[in-house]
Every structure is written in C-alpha cells, then in structure tokens.
C-alpha atoms as a PDB file:
ATOM      1  CA  MET A   1       0.002   0.052   0.043  1.00  0.00           C
ATOM      2  CA  LYS A   2       1.421   3.435  -1.015  1.00  0.00           C
ATOM      3  CA  TYR A   3       0.312   6.848  -0.306  1.00  0.00           C
ATOM      4  CA  ASP A   4       0.478   9.572  -3.001  1.00  0.00           C
ATOM      5  CA  LEU A   5       0.703  12.917  -1.156  1.00  0.00           C
ATOM      6  CA  LYS A   6      -0.332  15.008  -4.277  1.00  0.00           C
ATOM      7  CA  GLN A   7      -3.414  12.898  -4.966  1.00  0.00           C
ATOM      8  CA  ASN A   8      -4.285  12.118  -1.406  1.00  0.00           C
ATOM      9  CA  THR A   9      -4.721   8.518  -2.410  1.00  0.00           C
ATOM     10  CA  TYR A  10      -3.619   5.117  -1.399  1.00  0.00           C
ATOM     11  CA  THR A  11      -2.881   2.570  -3.992  1.00  0.00           C
ATOM     12  CA  LEU A  12      -3.551  -1.100  -3.001  1.00  0.00           C
ATOM     13  CA  SER A  13      -1.525  -4.034  -4.441  1.00  0.00           C
ATOM     14  CA  SER A  14      -4.534  -4.818  -6.672  1.00  0.00           C
ATOM     15  CA  GLY A  15      -4.183  -1.332  -8.276  1.00  0.00           C
ATOM     16  CA  ARG A  16      -7.330   0.128  -6.673  1.00  0.00           C
ATOM     17  CA  ARG A  17      -6.865   3.606  -5.475  1.00  0.00           C
ATOM     18  CA  ILE A  18      -8.557   4.873  -2.276  1.00  0.00           C
ATOM     19  CA  TYR A  19      -8.916   8.613  -1.562  1.00  0.00           C
ATOM     20  CA  ALA A  20      -7.698   9.539   2.003  1.00  0.00           C
ATOM     21  CA  ASN A  21      -7.762  13.111   2.786  1.00  0.00           C
ATOM     22  CA  GLY A  22      -4.395  13.962   4.432  1.00  0.00           C
ATOM     23  CA  GLY A  23      -3.477  10.244   4.438  1.00  0.00           C
ATOM     24  CA  TYR A  24      -5.785   9.543   7.364  1.00  0.00           C
ATOM     25  CA  LEU A  25      -7.504   6.249   7.652  1.00  0.00           C
ATOM     26  CA  GLY A  26      -9.541   5.364  10.804  1.00  0.00           C
ATOM     27  CA  ILE A  27     -11.918   2.725  12.093  1.00  0.00           C
ATOM     28  CA  ASN A  28     -14.573   2.793  14.706  1.00  0.00           C
ATOM     29  CA  GLU A  29     -16.159   0.142  16.987  1.00  0.00           C
ATOM     30  CA  ASP A  30     -18.674  -0.959  14.423  1.00  0.00           C
ATOM     31  CA  LEU A  31     -15.705  -1.732  11.932  1.00  0.00           C
ATOM     32  CA  SER A  32     -16.524   1.101   9.545  1.00  0.00           C
ATOM     33  CA  VAL A  33     -13.399   2.611   8.068  1.00  0.00           C
ATOM     34  CA  HIS A  34     -13.336   6.268   7.253  1.00  0.00           C
ATOM     35  CA  GLU A  35     -10.739   8.420   5.502  1.00  0.00           C
ATOM     36  CA  GLY A  36      -9.657  11.987   6.155  1.00  0.00           C
ATOM     37  CA  TYR A  37     -11.014  14.327   8.844  1.00  0.00           C
ATOM     38  CA  ASP A  38     -14.533  14.393   7.538  1.00  0.00           C
ATOM     39  CA  GLY A  39     -15.130  10.681   7.408  1.00  0.00           C
ATOM     40  CA  THR A  40     -16.356   9.250   4.049  1.00  0.00           C
ATOM     41  CA  VAL A  41     -16.886   5.457   4.780  1.00  0.00           C
ATOM     42  CA  ILE A  42     -14.553   3.272   2.885  1.00  0.00           C
ATOM     43  CA  ASP A  43     -16.586   0.266   1.743  1.00  0.00           C
ATOM     44  CA  PHE A  44     -15.937  -2.733   3.903  1.00  0.00           C
ATOM     45  CA  TYR A  45     -19.670  -3.579   3.590  1.00  0.00           C
ATOM     46  CA  SER A  46     -21.499  -5.824   1.228  1.00  0.00           C
ATOM     47  CA  GLN A  47     -22.684  -4.561  -2.089  1.00  0.00           C
ATOM     48  CA  GLU A  48     -26.234  -5.181  -1.094  1.00  0.00           C
ATOM     49  CA  TYR A  49     -25.772  -2.957   2.104  1.00  0.00           C
ATOM     50  CA  LEU A  50     -23.931  -0.213   0.117  1.00  0.00           C
ATOM     51  CA  THR A  51     -26.715  -0.042  -2.493  1.00  0.00           C
ATOM     52  CA  GLU A  52     -29.319   0.093   0.334  1.00  0.00           C
ATOM     53  CA  ILE A  53     -27.728   3.239   1.911  1.00  0.00           C
ATOM     54  CA  GLY A  54     -26.988   4.791  -1.434  1.00  0.00           C
ATOM     55  CA  PHE A  55     -23.258   4.190  -1.612  1.00  0.00           C
ATOM     56  CA  GLU A  56     -22.303   3.626  -5.108  1.00  0.00           C
ATOM     57  CA  LYS A  57     -18.748   2.217  -5.054  1.00  0.00           C
ATOM     58  CA  GLU A  58     -17.891  -1.330  -5.423  1.00  0.00           C
ATOM     59  CA  PRO A  59     -17.025  -2.941  -2.005  1.00  0.00           C
ATOM     60  CA  LEU A  60     -13.293  -3.737  -1.210  1.00  0.00           C
ATOM     61  CA  THR A  61     -12.300  -7.409  -1.890  1.00  0.00           C
ATOM     62  CA  ALA A  62     -11.293  -9.549   1.029  1.00  0.00           C
ATOM     63  CA  SER A  63      -7.719  -9.242   0.237  1.00  0.00           C
ATOM     64  CA  GLU A  64      -7.951  -5.443  -0.189  1.00  0.00           C
ATOM     65  CA  GLN A  65      -9.596  -5.274   3.214  1.00  0.00           C
ATOM     66  CA  ASP A  66      -6.800  -7.410   4.689  1.00  0.00           C
ATOM     67  CA  GLU A  67      -4.127  -5.310   3.024  1.00  0.00           C
ATOM     68  CA  ILE A  68      -5.668  -2.034   4.649  1.00  0.00           C
ATOM     69  CA  CYS A  69      -5.911  -3.845   8.038  1.00  0.00           C
ATOM     70  CA  ASP A  70      -2.204  -5.009   7.786  1.00  0.00           C
ATOM     71  CA  PHE A  71      -1.101  -1.606   6.887  1.00  0.00           C
ATOM     72  CA  MET A  72      -3.043  -0.060   9.789  1.00  0.00           C
ATOM     73  CA  ILE A  73      -1.679  -2.639  12.290  1.00  0.00           C
ATOM     74  CA  ASP A  74       1.785  -2.045  11.074  1.00  0.00           C
ATOM     75  CA  LEU A  75       1.485   1.667  11.703  1.00  0.00           C
ATOM     76  CA  TRP A  76       0.102   1.426  15.147  1.00  0.00           C
ATOM     77  CA  THR A  77       2.727  -1.149  16.074  1.00  0.00           C
ATOM     78  CA  LYS A  78       5.466   1.141  14.883  1.00  0.00           C
ATOM     79  CA  ARG A  79       3.787   4.026  16.871  1.00  0.00           C
ATOM     80  CA  LYS A  80       3.570   1.840  20.056  1.00  0.00           C
ATOM     81  CA  ALA A  81       7.414   0.988  19.855  1.00  0.00           C
ATOM     82  CA  THR A  82       8.255   4.671  19.254  1.00  0.00           C
ATOM     83  CA  PRO A  83       9.062   6.545  22.640  1.00  0.00           C
ATOM     84  CA  ILE A  84       6.994   9.706  23.138  1.00  0.00           C
ATOM     85  CA  LYS A  85       9.477  12.639  23.165  1.00  0.00           C
END
C-alpha cells in the first residue's frame, strides 16, 4: 500500500486507489473505516448494504480489506514502539 501525497490516495496492490484526505484512515467500534478528517466511509460492507444506503462504489475485496488492516496494524505497532518525546 503506497500513499500519494499529491493525490491524497492510497494505491493497493490490486491497483485500486482509495482517496484518504491527508493520508488519514480510521476505524470505529462498528468496524466502519473512514478517511480524512470528514469521514467518508470506505466500503468494507457488502454491495447489498452499500446499495441500500445509496453508496455507489464497489465494495473492497477480502484481500483489499486485509491489506488495509495489515497496513494500519503495522503503523500502530510502529507507533507503540516509538517512545514519546
């Protein structure tokens, strides 16, 4: 997963690009994933649910979801291992 600062996008190994304002990705307790500071949901849900709520993007594949999860886990692990100054 690579971040493009100029485009504010992450590119997954599948080639899919995900917009993430400022490079921010976040997750909440109901496991919905958001980007940026204003929180557009990234599609971890089924296409049926996305259609129901009017979200028109194709859902992420299982491997794309896993790639984002692994990326975020790696960042938090690095942060935890870094002493606060």
